Amino acid sequence: MSSYRKKCSSNIAARIFDRQIRTPPPSTTVHYARRFYENLVPSYTLYEVECPDHSFRKFTDDGQYLISFSRNYQDLIVYRPRWLSFSCKDEDCDKHDLPSKAKRFESFFTQLYSVSLASCNERICKDFFLYMEGNQFGLFATSTAQIHDAPAVGGAIQGVPSIEKITFILLRLEDGVILDDKVFYNDFVNLTHNMGVFLYDDLLAIVSLRYQIIHILQIRDSGNLVDVRAIGEFCREDDQLFLNSNAQGMAFSDKNKQHQLPGGHIENNVHQGQPNPGSSFLSGIKQRLLSFIFQSIWNEERDDNLRIQTLRKKFYFHFQDYADLIIWKVQFLDRHHLLIKFGSVDGGVSRNADHHPAFVAVYNMDTTEIVSFYQNSADELYLLFEQFCDHFHATSRNSMHMNFISSHSNNVHALEQLRSIKDKASSSSQFVKKMLASLPFSCQSQSPSPYFDQSLFRFDDKLISATDRHRQSTDHPIKFILRRHPYSLKFKIKPGPEGGSMDGRAKNISSFIFHPILPLALSVQQTLFLHPSVVNIHFRR
């Protein structure tokens, strides 16, 4: 039986026969089917392919479209992947090199359309793209240049940059029709790697860092972006109405409290009823947070004297630190709960926010209550992260491809790798803080390609991984090795020219774009000096 299984693992025909006569255990059908990818690998590479000078972003999660932008980041260009086909007169075509016509970009991709998204003073945000698989809608963003020293006016946070105009564009990828848009003026949304925006089913959360508002929108089937609620200064829909009516009532009451001055003059203290801009209320979300922290500390002790002492040490002493926290990042956990990351202003706009103290809170949008609150170095939160990591990866119900991304809570190899890193760490607290720095997760930031399935293949995750990030290039090919017998090298991915970089001093950056279903991948290598990118196509011949 063992020899038969070994044969199945190395022979795709034997795998098909085995599938006909054997029934996999319950709930493992898809996992067994994915083992076919051990035989279907992108083992052939076309180096330095002639292709348009575009910035290639990613494949959509269903593999239907390849998203790219023009070099001036004004236009969107969408391609349809198609498999290479060519004619050969000899009997054994595999021994011959591909015809020159087959080595072109157009042999693998068909351009569907090109659409202009940005005006002359705007640019498409190259690192931002979200895909709504059920409707095949794409969400893009354009913006004007950042103003780093913008004054904090109208309730804005001091120290947060400003962007004059940010436009979110909803587009139907089937034909390139723009369905709707949402514009933010003089605001700041972190669009790098989708950090400031999260899509869950038909709900969209957009974080305004500058004004500390979480905008919740709904994407209708008709293609309309509809405002649902705004969480920040107010938490409930009628909070603003209540405060405004209360302020008007106070002003009316003070207006009637007139007293006569000497000489028969009347003084009208109208301004006493007006809110003072310099001593405004804390925002609604901040009040919810402070209330939760107070109640949690209050419930720690039953003795009143101990309660007072504990509150002084843990709450009142740090009150201003808690009050100064701002929202950094948000993700959906489900349709009712948000995972919100709080931190300092410096950390919110810094590229390296990992070194700044931060907190995460679970917020219930229906009850407007904070459900839990942790510092990003809490062991309790790390245990939840280690055991239930998939619950933090909130994926839309329509996205079946995203349900098979490897994590340490669903893959024993990933768990062993995590624990190995933990054992080698010099400081347990620093390790926990580093691991929890990824929370909340960025939306659609990982590739669902089966070649990143750690139950199928082993690879160096320092050089390549499912996470959508640019990485420093290496002249050595990246190896993908089977996890199971015969533990052999199945294929290699090498970015850049076939003979290696001509200029060893140049810092080359590589990105890898894997198709979610087909044995097809692009490796794009570019330098920091705006030279044309080197595009390689890796596929199964």
Protein backbone atom coordinates (compact mmCIF):
# COMPACT_ATOMS: atom_id res chain seq x y z
CA MET A 1 0.00 0.00 0.00
CA SER A 2 2.86 2.42 0.81
CA SER A 3 4.42 1.91 -2.64
CA TYR A 4 1.04 2.59 -4.24
CA ARG A 5 0.70 5.85 -2.33
CA LYS A 6 4.22 6.86 -3.35
CA LYS A 7 3.28 6.23 -6.97
CA CYS A 8 0.12 8.34 -6.57
CA SER A 9 2.13 11.25 -5.19
CA SER A 10 4.45 11.29 -8.24
CA ASN A 11 2.00 10.37 -11.01
CA ILE A 12 -1.02 12.49 -11.83
CA ALA A 13 -2.70 9.65 -13.73
CA ALA A 14 -2.46 7.48 -10.62
CA ARG A 15 -3.96 10.31 -8.58
CA ILE A 16 -6.98 10.48 -10.91
CA PHE A 17 -7.46 6.72 -10.69
CA ASP A 18 -7.13 6.87 -6.90
CA ARG A 19 -9.79 9.58 -6.78
CA GLN A 20 -12.21 7.28 -8.65
CA ILE A 21 -11.86 4.33 -6.30
CA ARG A 22 -11.30 6.03 -2.93
CA THR A 23 -13.54 8.36 -0.94
CA PRO A 24 -11.77 10.92 1.24
CA PRO A 25 -12.84 11.35 4.88
CA PRO A 26 -15.70 13.79 5.59
CA SER A 27 -14.87 17.50 5.22
CA THR A 28 -11.52 16.76 3.51
CA THR A 29 -12.61 16.59 -0.14
CA VAL A 30 -11.16 19.98 -1.07
CA HIS A 31 -7.90 19.30 0.78
CA TYR A 32 -7.47 16.01 -1.09
CA ALA A 33 -8.24 17.72 -4.39
CA ARG A 34 -5.61 20.39 -3.67
CA ARG A 35 -2.96 17.67 -3.54
CA PHE A 36 -3.14 17.57 -7.34
CA TYR A 37 -1.09 20.79 -7.19
CA GLU A 38 1.86 18.68 -6.06
CA ASN A 39 1.98 17.49 -9.68
CA LEU A 40 0.72 20.65 -11.38
CA VAL A 41 3.43 23.23 -10.73
CA PRO A 42 4.77 26.29 -12.60
CA SER A 43 8.04 24.57 -13.47
CA TYR A 44 8.91 26.52 -16.66
CA THR A 45 10.05 30.16 -16.74
CA LEU A 46 10.08 32.76 -19.48
CA TYR A 47 12.65 35.41 -18.55
CA GLU A 48 12.39 39.11 -19.38
CA VAL A 49 9.09 38.84 -21.21
CA GLU A 50 8.15 41.61 -23.60
CA CYS A 51 5.18 43.27 -21.92
CA PRO A 52 3.56 46.71 -21.51
CA ASP A 53 5.34 49.02 -19.09
CA HIS A 54 2.60 48.82 -16.48
CA SER A 55 2.52 48.43 -12.71
CA PHE A 56 0.99 44.99 -12.14
CA ARG A 57 -1.04 44.83 -8.92
CA LYS A 58 -2.58 41.35 -8.46
CA PHE A 59 -4.99 38.71 -9.72
CA THR A 60 -8.51 38.88 -8.36
CA ASP A 61 -9.27 36.16 -5.82
CA ASP A 62 -11.33 34.18 -8.34
CA GLY A 63 -8.57 34.40 -10.98
CA GLN A 64 -10.77 36.09 -13.57
CA TYR A 65 -8.80 39.34 -13.90
CA LEU A 66 -5.27 40.72 -13.67
CA ILE A 67 -5.24 44.27 -12.34
CA SER A 68 -2.59 46.73 -13.52
CA PHE A 69 -2.05 50.50 -13.65
CA SER A 70 -0.32 52.78 -16.13
CA ARG A 71 3.10 54.07 -15.11
CA ASN A 72 1.74 57.58 -14.52
CA TYR A 73 -0.97 56.02 -12.30
CA GLN A 74 -3.79 57.66 -14.19
CA ASP A 75 -5.33 54.65 -15.94
CA LEU A 76 -6.55 51.20 -14.93
CA ILE A 77 -5.76 48.36 -17.35
CA VAL A 78 -7.51 45.02 -16.82
CA TYR A 79 -6.42 41.73 -18.42
CA ARG A 80 -8.02 38.30 -18.69
CA PRO A 81 -5.62 35.39 -18.06
CA ARG A 82 -5.60 32.77 -20.81
CA TRP A 83 -3.47 29.68 -21.25
CA LEU A 84 -0.60 29.56 -23.69
CA SER A 85 -1.32 27.75 -26.98
CA PHE A 86 0.98 27.22 -29.97
CA SER A 87 1.44 24.74 -32.81
CA CYS A 88 4.30 22.28 -33.16
CA LYS A 89 5.10 20.03 -36.15
CA ASP A 90 7.27 17.51 -34.29
CA GLU A 91 5.95 14.61 -32.25
CA ASP A 92 7.65 15.59 -28.99
CA CYS A 93 7.08 19.32 -28.59
CA ASP A 94 8.31 19.40 -24.98
CA LYS A 95 11.92 19.01 -26.10
CA HIS A 96 11.77 22.12 -28.29
CA ASP A 97 11.98 25.72 -27.20
CA LEU A 98 8.85 27.84 -27.40
CA PRO A 99 8.28 29.85 -30.59
CA SER A 100 9.20 33.52 -30.31
CA LYS A 101 5.54 34.57 -30.65
CA ALA A 102 4.63 32.42 -27.63
CA LYS A 103 7.13 34.23 -25.41
CA ARG A 104 5.14 37.43 -25.35
CA PHE A 105 2.92 38.79 -22.61
CA GLU A 106 -0.06 38.76 -24.99
CA SER A 107 0.20 34.98 -25.27
CA PHE A 108 -0.86 34.67 -21.62
CA PHE A 109 -3.13 37.68 -21.14
CA THR A 110 -5.79 39.46 -23.17
CA GLN A 111 -6.44 43.14 -22.47
CA LEU A 112 -10.11 43.75 -21.78
CA TYR A 113 -10.12 47.54 -21.45
CA SER A 114 -8.33 50.61 -20.16
CA VAL A 115 -10.18 53.16 -18.01
CA SER A 116 -8.99 56.56 -16.82
CA LEU A 117 -9.58 56.88 -13.05
CA ALA A 118 -7.48 59.89 -12.01
CA SER A 119 -7.42 63.51 -13.14
CA CYS A 120 -4.25 65.47 -13.86
CA ASN A 121 -3.48 66.35 -10.22
CA GLU A 122 -4.53 62.96 -8.84
CA ARG A 123 -2.88 59.55 -8.91
CA ILE A 124 -4.21 56.04 -8.47
CA CYS A 125 -3.11 54.57 -5.13
CA LYS A 126 -1.00 51.71 -6.48
CA ASP A 127 -1.08 49.62 -3.27
CA PHE A 128 -4.86 49.76 -2.84
CA PHE A 129 -7.38 47.40 -4.42
CA LEU A 130 -10.32 45.43 -2.99
CA TYR A 131 -12.40 42.87 -4.85
CA MET A 132 -16.03 41.95 -4.23
CA GLU A 133 -16.14 38.47 -5.72
CA GLY A 134 -19.92 37.89 -5.73
CA ASN A 135 -20.61 40.92 -7.95
CA GLN A 136 -17.17 41.15 -9.57
CA PHE A 137 -16.88 44.73 -8.34
CA GLY A 138 -13.47 46.34 -7.84
CA LEU A 139 -12.80 49.18 -5.41
CA PHE A 140 -9.99 51.58 -6.32
CA ALA A 141 -8.73 54.83 -4.82
CA THR A 142 -7.20 58.03 -6.19
CA SER A 143 -5.74 60.92 -4.23
CA THR A 144 -3.91 64.19 -4.49
CA ALA A 145 -0.53 64.79 -2.82
CA GLN A 146 -0.12 64.69 0.96
CA ILE A 147 0.25 67.89 2.98
CA HIS A 148 2.44 66.91 5.95
CA ASP A 149 2.27 70.14 7.95
CA ALA A 150 -1.45 70.77 7.53
CA PRO A 151 -3.03 72.79 10.37
CA ALA A 152 -5.46 70.94 12.63
CA VAL A 153 -8.78 72.69 11.96
CA GLY A 154 -12.38 71.58 12.26
CA GLY A 155 -11.68 68.89 14.85
CA ALA A 156 -8.71 67.35 13.01
CA ILE A 157 -5.93 65.59 14.94
CA GLN A 158 -2.70 67.56 15.26
CA GLY A 159 0.22 65.80 13.58
CA VAL A 160 -1.81 63.78 11.06
CA PRO A 161 -1.17 64.73 7.40
CA SER A 162 -3.94 65.94 5.12
CA ILE A 163 -4.90 64.98 1.58
CA GLU A 164 -6.99 67.51 -0.28
CA LYS A 165 -9.07 64.88 -2.08
CA ILE A 166 -9.40 61.11 -1.72
CA THR A 167 -11.80 59.34 -4.08
CA PHE A 168 -12.96 55.73 -3.73
CA ILE A 169 -14.21 54.38 -7.06
CA LEU A 170 -16.46 51.33 -7.41
CA LEU A 171 -16.05 49.73 -10.83
CA ARG A 172 -17.61 46.70 -12.51
CA LEU A 173 -14.66 44.64 -13.70
CA GLU A 174 -16.64 42.78 -16.33
CA ASP A 175 -16.86 45.83 -18.60
CA GLY A 176 -15.01 48.65 -16.79
CA VAL A 177 -18.11 50.73 -16.01
CA ILE A 178 -17.72 53.11 -13.05
CA LEU A 179 -20.74 52.55 -10.82
CA ASP A 180 -20.26 54.99 -7.94
CA ASP A 181 -17.68 56.94 -5.96
CA LYS A 182 -17.15 58.34 -2.47
CA VAL A 183 -15.06 61.47 -1.95
CA PHE A 184 -13.26 62.62 1.23
CA TYR A 185 -11.95 66.19 1.32
CA ASN A 186 -9.01 67.40 3.46
CA ASP A 187 -8.77 64.05 5.18
CA PHE A 188 -6.26 61.23 5.60
CA VAL A 189 -6.92 57.53 4.98
CA ASN A 190 -3.99 55.08 5.08
CA LEU A 191 -4.30 53.27 1.74
CA THR A 192 -0.94 51.43 1.83
CA HIS A 193 -1.68 47.69 1.51
CA ASN A 194 -5.40 48.40 2.16
CA MET A 195 -4.58 49.30 5.78
CA GLY A 196 -7.24 51.98 6.21
CA VAL A 197 -10.10 50.14 4.49
CA PHE A 198 -11.73 46.76 5.20
CA LEU A 199 -14.32 44.91 3.11
CA TYR A 200 -16.52 42.19 4.65
CA ASP A 201 -19.38 40.81 2.54
CA ASP A 202 -21.13 43.99 1.36
CA LEU A 203 -19.93 46.17 4.27
CA LEU A 204 -17.05 48.58 3.91
CA ALA A 205 -15.17 50.27 6.77
CA ILE A 206 -13.05 53.35 5.99
CA VAL A 207 -10.91 54.87 8.77
CA SER A 208 -10.42 58.63 8.74
CA LEU A 209 -7.18 59.06 10.71
CA ARG A 210 -7.38 62.84 10.56
CA TYR A 211 -10.90 63.14 12.00
CA GLN A 212 -11.00 59.81 13.90
CA ILE A 213 -14.18 58.52 12.25
CA ILE A 214 -14.93 54.97 11.12
CA HIS A 215 -17.22 55.29 8.10
CA ILE A 216 -19.38 52.19 7.55
CA LEU A 217 -20.76 51.90 4.01
CA GLN A 218 -22.79 49.25 2.23
CA ILE A 219 -22.12 48.19 -1.36
CA ARG A 220 -25.50 47.43 -2.92
CA ASP A 221 -25.98 44.90 -5.73
CA SER A 222 -26.91 47.86 -7.94
CA GLY A 223 -23.38 49.23 -7.47
CA ASN A 224 -24.21 52.09 -5.09
CA LEU A 225 -22.11 53.08 -2.09
CA VAL A 226 -24.56 53.84 0.73
CA ASP A 227 -23.62 55.44 4.06
CA VAL A 228 -24.71 53.22 6.96
CA ARG A 229 -23.18 54.90 10.02
CA ALA A 230 -20.20 56.89 11.24
CA ILE A 231 -18.47 55.79 14.46
CA GLY A 232 -16.21 58.23 16.25
CA GLU A 233 -17.51 61.50 17.60
CA PHE A 234 -20.92 59.83 17.83
CA CYS A 235 -21.77 56.15 18.19
CA ARG A 236 -25.54 56.04 17.70
CA GLU A 237 -27.45 57.60 14.82
CA ASP A 238 -29.34 60.02 17.12
CA ASP A 239 -26.39 61.07 19.33
CA GLN A 240 -25.79 64.26 17.38
CA LEU A 241 -29.49 65.13 17.38
CA PHE A 242 -29.65 64.64 21.15
CA LEU A 243 -26.56 66.76 21.88
CA ASN A 244 -27.68 69.54 19.53
CA SER A 245 -31.15 69.69 21.03
CA ASN A 246 -29.67 69.68 24.54
CA ALA A 247 -27.28 72.51 23.64
CA GLN A 248 -30.15 74.55 22.18
CA GLY A 249 -32.18 73.96 25.34
CA MET A 250 -29.31 75.13 27.53
CA ALA A 251 -28.84 78.21 25.39
CA PHE A 252 -32.56 79.03 25.58
CA SER A 253 -32.54 78.59 29.36
CA ASP A 254 -29.53 80.87 29.81
CA LYS A 255 -31.09 83.46 27.54
CA ASN A 256 -34.02 83.77 29.93
CA LYS A 257 -31.71 84.24 32.94
CA GLN A 258 -31.29 87.94 32.38
CA HIS A 259 -30.40 90.20 35.30
CA GLN A 260 -30.59 93.94 35.34
CA LEU A 261 -27.40 95.89 35.82
CA PRO A 262 -27.14 99.28 37.64
CA GLY A 263 -28.67 102.03 35.56
CA GLY A 264 -31.49 99.84 34.27
CA HIS A 265 -29.35 98.08 31.60
CA ILE A 266 -30.05 94.41 30.72
CA GLU A 267 -27.16 91.91 30.22
CA ASN A 268 -27.94 88.87 28.06
CA ASN A 269 -25.62 85.93 28.81
CA VAL A 270 -26.25 84.15 25.54
CA HIS A 271 -22.66 82.95 25.16
CA GLN A 272 -22.74 81.09 28.46
CA GLY A 273 -24.98 78.47 26.85
CA GLN A 274 -22.71 77.93 23.85
CA PRO A 275 -20.26 75.01 23.89
CA ASN A 276 -16.65 76.08 24.31
CA PRO A 277 -14.53 74.85 21.37
CA GLY A 278 -11.48 74.69 23.63
CA SER A 279 -13.12 72.31 26.15
CA SER A 280 -15.11 69.99 23.90
CA PHE A 281 -16.42 66.60 24.95
CA LEU A 282 -14.44 63.43 24.43
CA SER A 283 -15.66 61.55 21.38
CA GLY A 284 -18.32 58.88 21.78
CA ILE A 285 -15.95 56.01 21.00
CA LYS A 286 -13.38 57.40 23.49
CA GLN A 287 -16.03 57.66 26.22
CA ARG A 288 -17.04 54.03 25.60
CA LEU A 289 -13.38 53.00 25.84
CA LEU A 290 -12.69 54.89 29.08
CA SER A 291 -15.89 53.55 30.64
CA PHE A 292 -14.88 49.97 29.81
CA ILE A 293 -11.39 50.44 31.26
CA PHE A 294 -12.84 52.00 34.44
CA GLN A 295 -15.40 49.21 34.93
CA SER A 296 -12.79 46.49 34.29
CA ILE A 297 -10.47 47.93 36.94
CA TRP A 298 -13.42 48.49 39.30
CA ASN A 299 -14.43 44.83 39.05
CA GLU A 300 -10.91 43.61 39.87
CA GLU A 301 -11.36 44.38 43.58
CA ARG A 302 -14.31 43.93 45.92
CA ASP A 303 -12.98 46.00 48.80
CA ASP A 304 -13.80 49.70 48.33
CA ASN A 305 -10.46 50.91 49.69
CA LEU A 306 -8.52 48.60 47.40
CA ARG A 307 -10.72 49.70 44.49
CA ILE A 308 -9.82 53.34 45.05
CA GLN A 309 -6.11 52.56 45.26
CA THR A 310 -6.23 50.37 42.15
CA LEU A 311 -8.15 53.02 40.21
CA ARG A 312 -5.58 55.64 41.14
CA LYS A 313 -2.70 53.47 39.92
CA LYS A 314 -4.23 51.91 36.84
CA PHE A 315 -6.82 54.43 35.65
CA TYR A 316 -6.41 57.99 36.91
CA PHE A 317 -2.62 57.91 36.68
CA HIS A 318 -2.86 56.85 33.01
CA PHE A 319 -6.09 58.73 32.24
CA GLN A 320 -4.49 61.28 29.90
CA ASP A 321 -2.60 58.52 28.07
CA TYR A 322 -5.88 56.71 27.43
CA ALA A 323 -7.62 59.95 26.45
CA ASP A 324 -4.87 60.74 23.92
CA LEU A 325 -5.20 57.42 22.09
CA ILE A 326 -6.32 57.59 18.46
CA ILE A 327 -7.72 54.96 16.12
CA TRP A 328 -5.02 53.46 13.89
CA LYS A 329 -6.69 50.62 12.10
CA VAL A 330 -9.96 48.67 11.94
CA GLN A 331 -11.18 45.32 10.68
CA PHE A 332 -14.49 43.47 10.75
CA LEU A 333 -14.68 40.31 12.88
CA ASP A 334 -18.25 39.74 11.66
CA ARG A 335 -21.17 41.93 10.59
CA HIS A 336 -21.62 43.26 14.13
CA HIS A 337 -18.14 43.50 15.66
CA LEU A 338 -15.08 45.59 14.82
CA LEU A 339 -11.49 44.99 15.96
CA ILE A 340 -10.04 48.47 16.53
CA LYS A 341 -6.38 49.31 17.09
CA PHE A 342 -5.57 52.35 19.23
CA GLY A 343 -2.23 54.07 19.70
CA SER A 344 -0.40 57.38 19.78
CA VAL A 345 -0.54 59.98 17.01
CA ASP A 346 3.12 59.34 16.13
CA GLY A 347 2.50 55.62 15.68
CA GLY A 348 -0.61 56.19 13.58
CA VAL A 349 1.27 58.02 10.83
CA SER A 350 4.63 56.25 11.19
CA ARG A 351 5.76 53.65 8.68
CA ASN A 352 7.25 51.61 11.51
CA ALA A 353 4.44 51.62 14.06
CA ASP A 354 5.60 48.36 15.67
CA HIS A 355 7.85 50.26 18.11
CA HIS A 356 4.98 52.33 19.50
CA PRO A 357 2.69 51.06 22.30
CA ALA A 358 -0.73 50.06 21.05
CA PHE A 359 -4.02 48.56 22.21
CA VAL A 360 -6.76 46.57 20.50
CA ALA A 361 -10.44 46.62 21.38
CA VAL A 362 -13.49 44.70 20.20
CA TYR A 363 -16.41 47.04 19.53
CA ASN A 364 -20.05 45.99 19.10
CA MET A 365 -21.66 48.27 16.52
CA ASP A 366 -25.21 47.32 17.56
CA THR A 367 -24.88 48.01 21.30
CA THR A 368 -22.10 50.63 20.82
CA GLU A 369 -20.15 48.95 23.63
CA ILE A 370 -16.51 47.98 23.98
CA VAL A 371 -16.53 44.21 24.53
CA SER A 372 -12.84 43.65 25.33
CA PHE A 373 -9.62 45.65 25.51
CA TYR A 374 -6.01 44.44 25.43
CA GLN A 375 -2.53 45.90 25.20
CA ASN A 376 -0.62 44.56 22.22
CA SER A 377 1.79 42.74 24.53
CA ALA A 378 -0.87 40.85 26.51
CA ASP A 379 -0.28 37.10 26.82
CA GLU A 380 -4.02 36.47 26.90
CA LEU A 381 -4.48 38.10 23.52
CA TYR A 382 -1.53 36.19 22.10
CA LEU A 383 -3.06 32.85 23.17
CA LEU A 384 -6.27 33.79 21.36
CA PHE A 385 -4.20 34.79 18.33
CA GLU A 386 -2.25 31.51 18.36
CA GLN A 387 -5.24 29.20 18.82
CA PHE A 388 -7.91 31.07 16.84
CA CYS A 389 -5.97 32.97 14.19
CA ASP A 390 -8.53 32.13 11.49
CA HIS A 391 -11.21 34.03 13.41
CA PHE A 392 -9.14 37.20 12.96
CA HIS A 393 -8.99 36.53 9.19
CA ALA A 394 -12.57 37.61 8.56
CA THR A 395 -13.34 36.58 4.97
CA SER A 396 -16.51 37.25 3.04
CA ARG A 397 -18.96 34.38 2.77
CA ASN A 398 -18.80 34.43 -1.04
CA SER A 399 -14.99 34.09 -1.12
CA MET A 400 -14.33 30.34 -1.10
CA HIS A 401 -10.71 30.70 -2.27
CA MET A 402 -9.67 32.64 0.85
CA ASN A 403 -10.75 29.86 3.23
CA PHE A 404 -7.63 27.75 2.56
CA ILE A 405 -4.88 30.20 3.49
CA SER A 406 -2.40 28.52 5.85
CA SER A 407 -2.19 29.81 9.42
CA HIS A 408 -0.83 28.45 12.68
CA SER A 409 -4.36 27.63 13.84
CA ASN A 410 -5.21 25.43 10.84
CA ASN A 411 -1.81 24.07 9.76
CA VAL A 412 0.55 22.03 11.93
CA HIS A 413 3.60 23.09 9.90
CA ALA A 414 2.82 26.78 10.37
CA LEU A 415 2.28 26.16 14.09
CA GLU A 416 5.64 24.39 14.41
CA GLN A 417 7.31 27.28 12.60
CA LEU A 418 5.68 29.81 14.96
CA ARG A 419 6.73 27.88 18.07
CA SER A 420 10.26 27.54 16.72
CA ILE A 421 10.48 31.32 16.35
CA LYS A 422 9.04 31.68 19.85
CA ASP A 423 11.65 29.33 21.35
CA LYS A 424 14.48 31.22 19.65
CA ALA A 425 13.22 34.65 20.76
CA SER A 426 15.42 36.35 23.36
CA SER A 427 12.46 38.15 24.96
CA SER A 428 9.01 36.61 25.31
CA SER A 429 7.29 40.00 25.64
CA GLN A 430 8.99 41.35 22.50
CA PHE A 431 8.01 38.21 20.59
CA VAL A 432 4.35 38.59 21.65
CA LYS A 433 4.38 42.27 20.72
CA LYS A 434 5.90 41.49 17.31
CA MET A 435 3.33 38.79 16.54
CA LEU A 436 0.37 40.93 17.66
CA ALA A 437 1.61 43.91 15.62
CA SER A 438 -0.18 42.39 12.60
CA LEU A 439 -3.58 42.85 14.28
CA PRO A 440 -5.97 43.97 12.90
CA PHE A 441 -5.17 42.15 9.66
CA SER A 442 -5.21 44.10 6.42
CA CYS A 443 -8.04 43.17 4.07
CA GLN A 444 -7.28 40.81 1.14
CA SER A 445 -3.55 41.02 1.86
CA GLN A 446 -2.79 37.33 1.27
CA SER A 447 -2.73 35.23 -1.86
CA PRO A 448 -5.00 32.14 -1.89
CA SER A 449 -2.63 30.31 -4.27
CA PRO A 450 -2.27 26.60 -3.38
CA TYR A 451 1.52 26.92 -3.78
CA PHE A 452 1.55 28.84 -0.48
CA ASP A 453 -0.33 26.00 1.25
CA GLN A 454 2.15 24.87 3.88
CA SER A 455 0.63 21.39 4.02
CA LEU A 456 1.71 20.94 0.37
CA PHE A 457 4.95 22.87 -0.04
CA ARG A 458 7.86 24.10 2.04
CA PHE A 459 9.60 27.37 1.13
CA ASP A 460 11.63 30.16 2.69
CA ASP A 461 9.05 32.65 3.95
CA LYS A 462 11.75 35.30 4.32
CA LEU A 463 12.03 35.38 0.52
CA ILE A 464 8.41 34.69 -0.47
CA SER A 465 5.06 34.19 1.24
CA ALA A 466 1.33 34.55 0.74
CA THR A 467 1.45 38.09 2.17
CA ASP A 468 1.21 40.80 -0.47
CA ARG A 469 4.50 42.66 0.06
CA HIS A 470 7.51 43.79 -1.95
CA ARG A 471 10.71 41.98 -0.99
CA GLN A 472 14.39 42.50 -1.61
CA SER A 473 15.54 40.44 -4.58
CA THR A 474 17.99 37.60 -4.45
CA ASP A 475 20.03 36.12 -7.29
CA HIS A 476 19.30 32.65 -5.98
CA PRO A 477 16.09 30.91 -7.07
CA ILE A 478 13.38 30.37 -4.44
CA LYS A 479 12.73 26.65 -3.97
CA PHE A 480 9.37 24.96 -3.40
CA ILE A 481 9.82 21.51 -1.85
CA LEU A 482 7.17 18.87 -1.24
CA ARG A 483 6.01 18.46 2.35
CA ARG A 484 5.24 14.78 1.81
CA HIS A 485 7.16 11.88 0.29
CA PRO A 486 9.39 11.99 -1.74
CA TYR A 487 10.18 15.49 -0.26
CA SER A 488 11.62 16.52 -3.60
CA LEU A 489 12.17 19.92 -5.18
CA LYS A 490 9.12 20.57 -7.38
CA PHE A 491 9.85 24.00 -8.88
CA LYS A 492 11.83 27.22 -8.50
CA ILE A 493 10.87 30.88 -8.79
CA LYS A 494 13.63 33.26 -9.81
CA PRO A 495 12.92 36.98 -10.27
CA GLY A 496 14.99 39.21 -12.53
CA PRO A 497 17.20 38.31 -15.52
CA GLU A 498 18.11 34.68 -16.06
CA GLY A 499 21.82 35.37 -15.55
CA GLY A 500 21.30 37.50 -12.45
CA SER A 501 21.54 41.24 -11.93
CA MET A 502 24.11 43.02 -14.07
CA ASP A 503 24.71 45.71 -11.44
CA GLY A 504 25.36 44.13 -8.07
CA ARG A 505 25.23 47.52 -6.34
CA ALA A 506 21.63 48.24 -7.36
CA LYS A 507 18.96 47.46 -4.78
CA ASN A 508 16.35 45.40 -6.55
CA ILE A 509 12.83 44.94 -5.23
CA SER A 510 10.70 41.97 -6.26
CA SER A 511 7.02 41.21 -6.10
CA PHE A 512 5.32 37.89 -6.83
CA ILE A 513 1.84 37.62 -8.31
CA PHE A 514 0.42 34.10 -8.16
CA HIS A 515 -2.77 33.05 -9.88
CA PRO A 516 -5.19 31.67 -7.25
CA ILE A 517 -6.06 28.54 -9.28
CA LEU A 518 -3.77 27.99 -12.29
CA PRO A 519 -0.06 26.98 -12.16
CA LEU A 520 0.82 30.51 -13.28
CA ALA A 521 2.80 33.29 -11.61
CA LEU A 522 4.48 36.59 -12.43
CA SER A 523 7.67 37.79 -10.80
CA VAL A 524 8.35 41.50 -11.22
CA GLN A 525 11.76 42.95 -10.37
CA GLN A 526 12.39 46.67 -10.29
CA THR A 527 15.16 48.95 -9.09
CA LEU A 528 14.90 52.16 -7.10
CA PHE A 529 16.05 54.21 -10.11
CA LEU A 530 12.88 53.89 -12.22
CA HIS A 531 14.41 51.50 -14.74
CA PRO A 532 11.88 49.36 -16.63
CA SER A 533 10.72 46.37 -14.63
CA VAL A 534 11.90 42.85 -15.46
CA VAL A 535 8.87 40.57 -15.75
CA ASN A 536 9.18 36.78 -15.72
CA ILE A 537 6.29 34.40 -16.34
CA HIS A 538 6.32 31.06 -14.51
CA PHE A 539 3.90 28.42 -15.78
CA ARG A 540 3.39 24.71 -16.35
CA ARG A 541 4.33 23.79 -19.87
